[in-house]
C-alpha atoms as a PDB file:
ATOM      1  CA  UNK A   1      81.558 107.068  79.632  1.00  0.00           C
ATOM      2  CA  UNK A   2      79.273 103.979  78.801  1.00  0.00           C
ATOM      3  CA  UNK A   3      79.084 101.912  82.237  1.00  0.00           C
ATOM      4  CA  UNK A   4      76.728  98.780  82.598  1.00  0.00           C
ATOM      5  CA  UNK A   5      75.591  98.174  86.312  1.00  0.00           C
ATOM      6  CA  UNK A   6      74.986  94.438  87.053  1.00  0.00           C
ATOM      7  CA  UNK A   7      72.351  94.486  90.244  1.00  0.00           C
ATOM      8  CA  UNK A   8      70.112  97.507  90.954  1.00  0.00           C
ATOM      9  CA  UNK A   9      69.862  97.191  94.390  1.00  0.00           C
ATOM     10  CA  UNK A  10      70.924  99.592  97.108  1.00  0.00           C
ATOM     11  CA  UNK A  11      74.743  99.593  95.855  1.00  0.00           C
ATOM     12  CA  UNK A  12      74.211  99.537  92.636  1.00  0.00           C
ATOM     13  CA  UNK A  13      71.617 102.040  92.922  1.00  0.00           C
ATOM     14  CA  UNK A  14      73.597 104.667  94.350  1.00  0.00           C
ATOM     15  CA  UNK A  15      76.910 103.833  92.269  1.00  0.00           C
ATOM     16  CA  UNK A  16      74.544 104.570  89.005  1.00  0.00           C
ATOM     17  CA  UNK A  17      72.958 107.308  91.135  1.00  0.00           C
ATOM     18  CA  UNK A  18      76.829 109.074  91.145  1.00  0.00           C
ATOM     19  CA  UNK A  19      77.660 107.986  88.029  1.00  0.00           C
ATOM     20  CA  UNK A  20      74.609 109.705  86.715  1.00  0.00           C
ATOM     21  CA  UNK A  21      74.541 112.982  88.199  1.00  0.00           C
ATOM     22  CA  UNK A  22      78.408 113.061  86.612  1.00  0.00           C
ATOM     23  CA  UNK A  23      77.148 112.816  83.136  1.00  0.00           C
ATOM     24  CA  UNK A  24      78.047 108.971  82.097  1.00  0.00           C
ATOM     25  CA  UNK A  25      75.855 106.847  80.178  1.00  0.00           C
ATOM     26  CA  UNK A  26      74.240 104.226  82.459  1.00  0.00           C
ATOM     27  CA  UNK A  27      72.395 100.698  81.828  1.00  0.00           C
ATOM     28  CA  UNK A  28      71.615  98.935  84.732  1.00  0.00           C
ATOM     29  CA  UNK A  29      70.813  94.635  84.729  1.00  0.00           C
ATOM     30  CA  UNK A  30      68.865  92.983  86.811  1.00  0.00           C
ATOM     31  CA  UNK A  31      66.611  90.118  87.119  1.00  0.00           C
ATOM     32  CA  UNK A  32      63.366  91.955  88.879  1.00  0.00           C
ATOM     33  CA  UNK A  33      61.568  94.277  86.999  1.00  0.00           C
ATOM     34  CA  UNK A  34      60.020  95.850  90.021  1.00  0.00           C
ATOM     35  CA  UNK A  35      63.306  97.711  91.247  1.00  0.00           C
ATOM     36  CA  UNK A  36      62.913 100.171  87.885  1.00  0.00           C
ATOM     37  CA  UNK A  37      59.886 101.763  89.599  1.00  0.00           C
ATOM     38  CA  UNK A  38      61.534 102.192  93.098  1.00  0.00           C
ATOM     39  CA  UNK A  39      64.791 103.281  91.800  1.00  0.00           C
ATOM     40  CA  UNK A  40      64.029 106.930  91.262  1.00  0.00           C
ATOM     41  CA  UNK A  41      66.835 106.845  89.035  1.00  0.00           C
ATOM     42  CA  UNK A  42      65.916 109.038  85.813  1.00  0.00           C
ATOM     43  CA  UNK A  43      68.205 108.760  82.841  1.00  0.00           C
ATOM     44  CA  UNK A  44      69.124 105.588  83.441  1.00  0.00           C
ATOM     45  CA  UNK A  45      68.311 102.895  80.864  1.00  0.00           C
ATOM     46  CA  UNK A  46      67.529  99.275  81.918  1.00  0.00           C
ATOM     47  CA  UNK A  47      67.210  96.002  81.015  1.00  0.00           C
ATOM     48  CA  UNK A  48      65.448  93.018  82.718  1.00  0.00           C
ATOM     49  CA  UNK A  49      67.415  89.474  82.758  1.00  0.00           C
ATOM     50  CA  UNK A  50      70.008  87.354  84.086  1.00  0.00           C
ATOM     51  CA  UNK A  51      73.374  88.941  83.369  1.00  0.00           C
ATOM     52  CA  UNK A  52      74.991  85.024  83.794  1.00  0.00           C
ATOM     53  CA  UNK A  53      73.311  83.955  80.571  1.00  0.00           C
ATOM     54  CA  UNK A  54      75.892  85.209  77.671  1.00  0.00           C
ATOM     55  CA  UNK A  55      72.269  86.039  75.919  1.00  0.00           C
ATOM     56  CA  UNK A  56      71.219  88.993  78.382  1.00  0.00           C
ATOM     57  CA  UNK A  57      74.669  90.393  77.457  1.00  0.00           C
ATOM     58  CA  UNK A  58      74.678  90.604  74.208  1.00  0.00           C
ATOM     59  CA  UNK A  59      70.831  92.198  74.708  1.00  0.00           C
ATOM     60  CA  UNK A  60      73.157  94.806  76.380  1.00  0.00           C
ATOM     61  CA  UNK A  61      75.855  95.507  74.042  1.00  0.00           C
ATOM     62  CA  UNK A  62      78.232  95.029  76.706  1.00  0.00           C
ATOM     63  CA  UNK A  63      81.068  95.116  73.368  1.00  0.00           C
ATOM     64  CA  UNK A  64      80.236  98.741  73.944  1.00  0.00           C
ATOM     65  CA  UNK A  65      81.303  99.282  77.465  1.00  0.00           C
ATOM     66  CA  UNK A  66      83.836 101.088  79.069  1.00  0.00           C
ATOM     67  CA  UNK A  67      83.282  99.661  82.582  1.00  0.00           C
ATOM     68  CA  UNK A  68      81.165  97.050  83.632  1.00  0.00           C
ATOM     69  CA  UNK A  69      80.332  96.632  87.448  1.00  0.00           C
ATOM     70  CA  UNK A  70      79.179  93.519  88.693  1.00  0.00           C
ATOM     71  CA  UNK A  71      77.152  95.036  92.543  1.00  0.00           C
ATOM     72  CA  UNK A  72      75.292  92.078  93.121  1.00  0.00           C
ATOM     73  CA  UNK A  73      74.852  90.472  96.408  1.00  0.00           C
ATOM     74  CA  UNK A  74      76.075  87.323  95.391  1.00  0.00           C
ATOM     75  CA  UNK A  75      79.892  86.785  94.340  1.00  0.00           C
ATOM     76  CA  UNK A  76      79.143  83.635  92.087  1.00  0.00           C
ATOM     77  CA  UNK A  77      77.097  86.022  90.064  1.00  0.00           C
ATOM     78  CA  UNK A  78      79.537  88.727  89.987  1.00  0.00           C
ATOM     79  CA  UNK A  79      82.486  86.772  89.636  1.00  0.00           C
ATOM     80  CA  UNK A  80      80.853  85.240  86.642  1.00  0.00           C
ATOM     81  CA  UNK A  81      79.891  88.604  84.873  1.00  0.00           C
ATOM     82  CA  UNK A  82      83.148  90.047  85.382  1.00  0.00           C
ATOM     83  CA  UNK A  83      84.751  86.265  83.748  1.00  0.00           C
ATOM     84  CA  UNK A  84      82.218  86.822  80.808  1.00  0.00           C
ATOM     85  CA  UNK A  85      82.885  90.498  80.410  1.00  0.00           C
ATOM     86  CA  UNK A  86      86.635  90.186  79.948  1.00  0.00           C
ATOM     87  CA  UNK A  87      86.701  87.110  77.873  1.00  0.00           C
ATOM     88  CA  UNK A  88      83.607  87.186  75.634  1.00  0.00           C
ATOM     89  CA  UNK A  89      82.835  91.128  75.527  1.00  0.00           C
ATOM     90  CA  UNK A  90      86.219  92.400  75.801  1.00  0.00           C
ATOM     91  CA  UNK A  91      85.823  95.135  78.068  1.00  0.00           C
ATOM     92  CA  UNK A  92      88.310  97.060  79.365  1.00  0.00           C
ATOM     93  CA  UNK A  93      87.916  97.328  83.022  1.00  0.00           C
ATOM     94  CA  UNK A  94      85.615  95.624  85.006  1.00  0.00           C
ATOM     95  CA  UNK A  95      84.705  96.267  88.960  1.00  0.00           C
ATOM     96  CA  UNK A  96      83.541  93.743  91.118  1.00  0.00           C
ATOM     97  CA  UNK A  97      81.680  93.557  94.276  1.00  0.00           C
ATOM     98  CA  UNK A  98      83.165  91.248  97.089  1.00  0.00           C
ATOM     99  CA  UNK A  99      80.509  90.383  99.931  1.00  0.00           C
ATOM    100  CA  UNK A 100      82.258  87.702 101.775  1.00  0.00           C
ATOM    101  CA  UNK A 101      85.697  88.695 102.645  1.00  0.00           C
ATOM    102  CA  UNK A 102      86.278  85.185 102.185  1.00  0.00           C
ATOM    103  CA  UNK A 103      85.853  85.251  98.555  1.00  0.00           C
ATOM    104  CA  UNK A 104      88.086  88.236  98.170  1.00  0.00           C
ATOM    105  CA  UNK A 105      90.998  85.777  96.306  1.00  0.00           C
ATOM    106  CA  UNK A 106      88.988  84.749  93.598  1.00  0.00           C
ATOM    107  CA  UNK A 107      88.469  88.578  92.787  1.00  0.00           C
ATOM    108  CA  UNK A 108      91.778  88.496  90.285  1.00  0.00           C
ATOM    109  CA  UNK A 109      92.637  88.536  86.506  1.00  0.00           C
ATOM    110  CA  UNK A 110      91.784  84.730  86.303  1.00  0.00           C
ATOM    111  CA  UNK A 111      88.321  86.187  86.997  1.00  0.00           C
ATOM    112  CA  UNK A 112      88.344  89.069  84.965  1.00  0.00           C
ATOM    113  CA  UNK A 113      88.275  91.200  87.492  1.00  0.00           C
ATOM    114  CA  UNK A 114      90.594  94.473  87.547  1.00  0.00           C
ATOM    115  CA  UNK A 115      89.289  96.408  90.572  1.00  0.00           C
ATOM    116  CA  UNK A 116      87.763  94.694  93.409  1.00  0.00           C
ATOM    117  CA  UNK A 117      85.877  96.514  96.071  1.00  0.00           C
ATOM    118  CA  UNK A 118      85.606  94.699  99.743  1.00  0.00           C
ATOM    119  CA  UNK A 119      83.189  96.375 101.918  1.00  0.00           C
ATOM    120  CA  UNK A 120      83.765  94.862 105.001  1.00  0.00           C
ATOM    121  CA  UNK A 121      87.683  95.436 104.282  1.00  0.00           C
ATOM    122  CA  UNK A 122      87.392  99.189 103.104  1.00  0.00           C
ATOM    123  CA  UNK A 123      85.537  99.836 106.222  1.00  0.00           C
ATOM    124  CA  UNK A 124      87.708  98.729 107.846  1.00  0.00           C
ATOM    125  CA  UNK A 125      90.461 100.742 106.682  1.00  0.00           C
ATOM    126  CA  UNK A 126      88.014 103.602 106.732  1.00  0.00           C
ATOM    127  CA  UNK A 127      87.765 103.087 110.740  1.00  0.00           C
ATOM    128  CA  UNK A 128      91.578 102.244 111.025  1.00  0.00           C
ATOM    129  CA  UNK A 129      92.194 105.866 109.419  1.00  0.00           C
ATOM    130  CA  UNK A 130      90.117 107.509 111.442  1.00  0.00           C
ATOM    131  CA  UNK A 131      92.268 106.275 114.713  1.00  0.00           C
ATOM    132  CA  UNK A 132      95.542 105.178 113.717  1.00  0.00           C
ATOM    133  CA  UNK A 133      97.922 107.532 113.645  1.00  0.00           C
ATOM    134  CA  UNK A 134     101.826 106.784 113.050  1.00  0.00           C
ATOM    135  CA  UNK A 135     101.249 103.904 111.331  1.00  0.00           C
ATOM    136  CA  UNK A 136     100.687 102.955 107.344  1.00  0.00           C
ATOM    137  CA  UNK A 137      96.819 102.305 106.970  1.00  0.00           C
ATOM    138  CA  UNK A 138      95.622 100.409 103.274  1.00  0.00           C
ATOM    139  CA  UNK A 139      92.506 102.134 102.357  1.00  0.00           C
ATOM    140  CA  UNK A 140      92.496 100.494  98.739  1.00  0.00           C
ATOM    141  CA  UNK A 141      93.696  97.491  96.980  1.00  0.00           C
ATOM    142  CA  UNK A 142      94.490  97.988  93.226  1.00  0.00           C
ATOM    143  CA  UNK A 143      95.020  95.899  90.044  1.00  0.00           C
ATOM    144  CA  UNK A 144      94.549  92.871  91.532  1.00  0.00           C
ATOM    145  CA  UNK A 145      96.629  92.768  94.691  1.00  0.00           C
ATOM    146  CA  UNK A 146      99.539  94.336  93.427  1.00  0.00           C
ATOM    147  CA  UNK A 147      99.593  97.569  94.638  1.00  0.00           C
ATOM    148  CA  UNK A 148      97.807  99.564  97.151  1.00  0.00           C
ATOM    149  CA  UNK A 149      97.167 102.858  97.906  1.00  0.00           C
ATOM    150  CA  UNK A 150      97.944 103.355 101.990  1.00  0.00           C
ATOM    151  CA  UNK A 151      97.597 106.216 104.088  1.00  0.00           C
ATOM    152  CA  UNK A 152     100.050 107.781 107.161  1.00  0.00           C
ATOM    153  CA  UNK A 153      98.663 110.452 109.617  1.00  0.00           C
ATOM    154  CA  UNK A 154     102.060 111.626 111.181  1.00  0.00           C
ATOM    155  CA  UNK A 155     102.334 112.101 114.608  1.00  0.00           C
ATOM    156  CA  UNK A 156     103.177 115.395 116.275  1.00  0.00           C
ATOM    157  CA  UNK A 157     106.480 114.017 117.308  1.00  0.00           C
ATOM    158  CA  UNK A 158     107.598 112.598 114.191  1.00  0.00           C
ATOM    159  CA  UNK A 159     111.086 112.623 112.937  1.00  0.00           C
ATOM    160  CA  UNK A 160     109.743 113.343 109.259  1.00  0.00           C
ATOM    161  CA  UNK A 161     108.354 116.426 110.350  1.00  0.00           C
ATOM    162  CA  UNK A 162     110.747 119.618 109.094  1.00  0.00           C
ATOM    163  CA  UNK A 163     111.722 117.569 106.405  1.00  0.00           C
ATOM    164  CA  UNK A 164     111.487 118.326 103.047  1.00  0.00           C
ATOM    165  CA  UNK A 165     109.454 115.708 100.475  1.00  0.00           C
ATOM    166  CA  UNK A 166     112.950 115.733  98.811  1.00  0.00           C
ATOM    167  CA  UNK A 167     114.898 114.967 101.670  1.00  0.00           C
ATOM    168  CA  UNK A 168     113.434 111.365 102.333  1.00  0.00           C
ATOM    169  CA  UNK A 169     114.610 108.523 100.191  1.00  0.00           C
ATOM    170  CA  UNK A 170     110.989 106.948 100.062  1.00  0.00           C
ATOM    171  CA  UNK A 171     111.037 103.664  99.187  1.00  0.00           C
ATOM    172  CA  UNK A 172     111.776 102.571  95.420  1.00  0.00           C
ATOM    173  CA  UNK A 173     107.664 101.281  94.621  1.00  0.00           C
ATOM    174  CA  UNK A 174     106.291 103.814  96.960  1.00  0.00           C
ATOM    175  CA  UNK A 175     105.108 107.122  95.328  1.00  0.00           C
ATOM    176  CA  UNK A 176     103.547 109.989  97.591  1.00  0.00           C
ATOM    177  CA  UNK A 177     100.489 111.044  95.547  1.00  0.00           C
ATOM    178  CA  UNK A 178      99.184 113.774  97.795  1.00  0.00           C
ATOM    179  CA  UNK A 179      99.368 115.593 101.100  1.00  0.00           C
ATOM    180  CA  UNK A 180      95.917 116.476 102.526  1.00  0.00           C
ATOM    181  CA  UNK A 181      96.710 119.380 105.090  1.00  0.00           C
ATOM    182  CA  UNK A 182      93.749 121.316 106.892  1.00  0.00           C
ATOM    183  CA  UNK A 183      91.234 119.392 104.986  1.00  0.00           C
ATOM    184  CA  UNK A 184      92.934 121.015 101.776  1.00  0.00           C
ATOM    185  CA  UNK A 185      94.478 118.762  99.414  1.00  0.00           C
ATOM    186  CA  UNK A 186      98.236 119.400  98.265  1.00  0.00           C
ATOM    187  CA  UNK A 187      99.803 118.464  95.541  1.00  0.00           C
ATOM    188  CA  UNK A 188     103.367 117.296  96.439  1.00  0.00           C
ATOM    189  CA  UNK A 189     106.622 118.616  95.278  1.00  0.00           C
ATOM    190  CA  UNK A 190     109.931 118.455  96.785  1.00  0.00           C
ATOM    191  CA  UNK A 191     110.279 121.516  98.558  1.00  0.00           C
ATOM    192  CA  UNK A 192     107.020 120.717 100.571  1.00  0.00           C
ATOM    193  CA  UNK A 193     107.690 120.839 104.140  1.00  0.00           C
ATOM    194  CA  UNK A 194     106.183 117.965 106.092  1.00  0.00           C
ATOM    195  CA  UNK A 195     104.172 118.718 109.179  1.00  0.00           C
ATOM    196  CA  UNK A 196     102.463 117.024 112.319  1.00  0.00           C
ATOM    197  CA  UNK A 197      99.193 116.185 111.306  1.00  0.00           C
ATOM    198  CA  UNK A 198      99.355 115.831 107.783  1.00  0.00           C
ATOM    199  CA  UNK A 199      97.954 113.523 106.365  1.00  0.00           C
ATOM    200  CA  UNK A 200     100.504 111.274 103.103  1.00  0.00           C
ATOM    201  CA  UNK A 201      98.770 109.260 100.468  1.00  0.00           C
ATOM    202  CA  UNK A 202     101.256 107.017  98.628  1.00  0.00           C
ATOM    203  CA  UNK A 203     100.563 104.341  95.673  1.00  0.00           C
ATOM    204  CA  UNK A 204     102.379 101.441  96.656  1.00  0.00           C
ATOM    205  CA  UNK A 205     103.081  97.964  95.753  1.00  0.00           C
ATOM    206  CA  UNK A 206     102.197  95.430  98.617  1.00  0.00           C
ATOM    207  CA  UNK A 207     105.607  94.619  98.809  1.00  0.00           C
ATOM    208  CA  UNK A 208     106.868  98.567  99.137  1.00  0.00           C
ATOM    209  CA  UNK A 209     104.762  99.013 102.425  1.00  0.00           C
ATOM    210  CA  UNK A 210     106.684  97.285 105.163  1.00  0.00           C
ATOM    211  CA  UNK A 211     109.897  99.440 103.659  1.00  0.00           C
ATOM    212  CA  UNK A 212     107.224 102.446 103.766  1.00  0.00           C
ATOM    213  CA  UNK A 213     106.055 101.603 107.245  1.00  0.00           C
ATOM    214  CA  UNK A 214     109.630 101.359 108.602  1.00  0.00           C
ATOM    215  CA  UNK A 215     110.504 104.034 107.052  1.00  0.00           C
ATOM    216  CA  UNK A 216     107.601 106.152 108.857  1.00  0.00           C
ATOM    217  CA  UNK A 217     107.938 104.533 111.961  1.00  0.00           C
ATOM    218  CA  UNK A 218     109.115 106.125 115.777  1.00  0.00           C
ATOM    219  CA  UNK A 219     112.312 104.660 115.865  1.00  0.00           C
ATOM    220  CA  UNK A 220     113.227 105.267 112.463  1.00  0.00           C
ATOM    221  CA  UNK A 221     115.324 108.936 111.570  1.00  0.00           C
ATOM    222  CA  UNK A 222     115.082 110.320 108.240  1.00  0.00           C
ATOM    223  CA  UNK A 223     117.405 108.432 105.605  1.00  0.00           C
ATOM    224  CA  UNK A 224     118.795 106.450 108.885  1.00  0.00           C
ATOM    225  CA  UNK A 225     117.748 102.583 110.265  1.00  0.00           C
ATOM    226  CA  UNK A 226     117.230 102.621 113.886  1.00  0.00           C
ATOM    227  CA  UNK A 227     120.736 101.275 114.599  1.00  0.00           C
ATOM    228  CA  UNK A 228     122.119 103.593 112.775  1.00  0.00           C
ATOM    229  CA  UNK A 229     120.507 106.266 114.001  1.00  0.00           C
ATOM    230  CA  UNK A 230     121.389 104.908 117.817  1.00  0.00           C
ATOM    231  CA  UNK A 231     125.453 104.750 116.323  1.00  0.00           C
ATOM    232  CA  UNK A 232     125.059 108.419 115.707  1.00  0.00           C
ATOM    233  CA  UNK A 233     123.366 109.147 119.045  1.00  0.00           C
ATOM    234  CA  UNK A 234     125.959 107.606 121.083  1.00  0.00           C
ATOM    235  CA  UNK A 235     129.467 108.958 118.581  1.00  0.00           C
ATOM    236  CA  UNK A 236     127.527 112.228 119.826  1.00  0.00           C
ATOM    237  CA  UNK A 237     127.487 111.800 123.373  1.00  0.00           C
ATOM    238  CA  UNK A 238     130.994 110.544 123.095  1.00  0.00           C
ATOM    239  CA  UNK A 239     131.887 113.405 121.368  1.00  0.00           C
ATOM    240  CA  UNK A 240     130.611 115.290 123.747  1.00  0.00           C
ATOM    241  CA  UNK A 241     132.787 113.807 126.965  1.00  0.00           C
ATOM    242  CA  UNK A 242     136.309 113.823 125.343  1.00  0.00           C
ATOM    243  CA  UNK A 243     135.474 118.183 124.719  1.00  0.00           C
END
């Protein structure tokens, strides 16, 4: 895969290092020639220039890139590069780094951004994922805000324990894609039985997150709303009294 990374600072260099380790072809673009020597990257190609200039991107032959990553510390640069990559060069996939969370709303398809990486938001999600048990935690937003990857850690007193994946009436736009159990990933099947401590990973639309949260909340019971569960419990008590 041919990847062009704009910005060879700590973030851009780290991305390049990981991609090079996976045998991808990497071109880095940066304004400062001195970053080439101190990057320590072997196997990458370099282009010194202003990536906001059309001529620089033409020199980079951006039309041949599979992915363009805008990883500078300047949100304005990242937006301009993403927009030029899409509109002028027809790049299939763009990734934009969000430095200021207040600018997150601009990193969408209107500016040519396919995937926005909001570092503060991602770190917050990882912190919440580490401490929040029994609630939905959004890990990543996909497709410019349409879908997301969310995680749910099953509490040891959850009502879903003992249920199979196929028993649960999941929201229509939420798909269980992985179960992490004892540090091992499992591809879920209808017959897999859920257990306390399981980490469930879903790809879901943003609007379906609330339905998923309601389904997995402590107040809910599998396949029933809290009101239905309460009515069922009351009915059982009445039956026992009459008997």
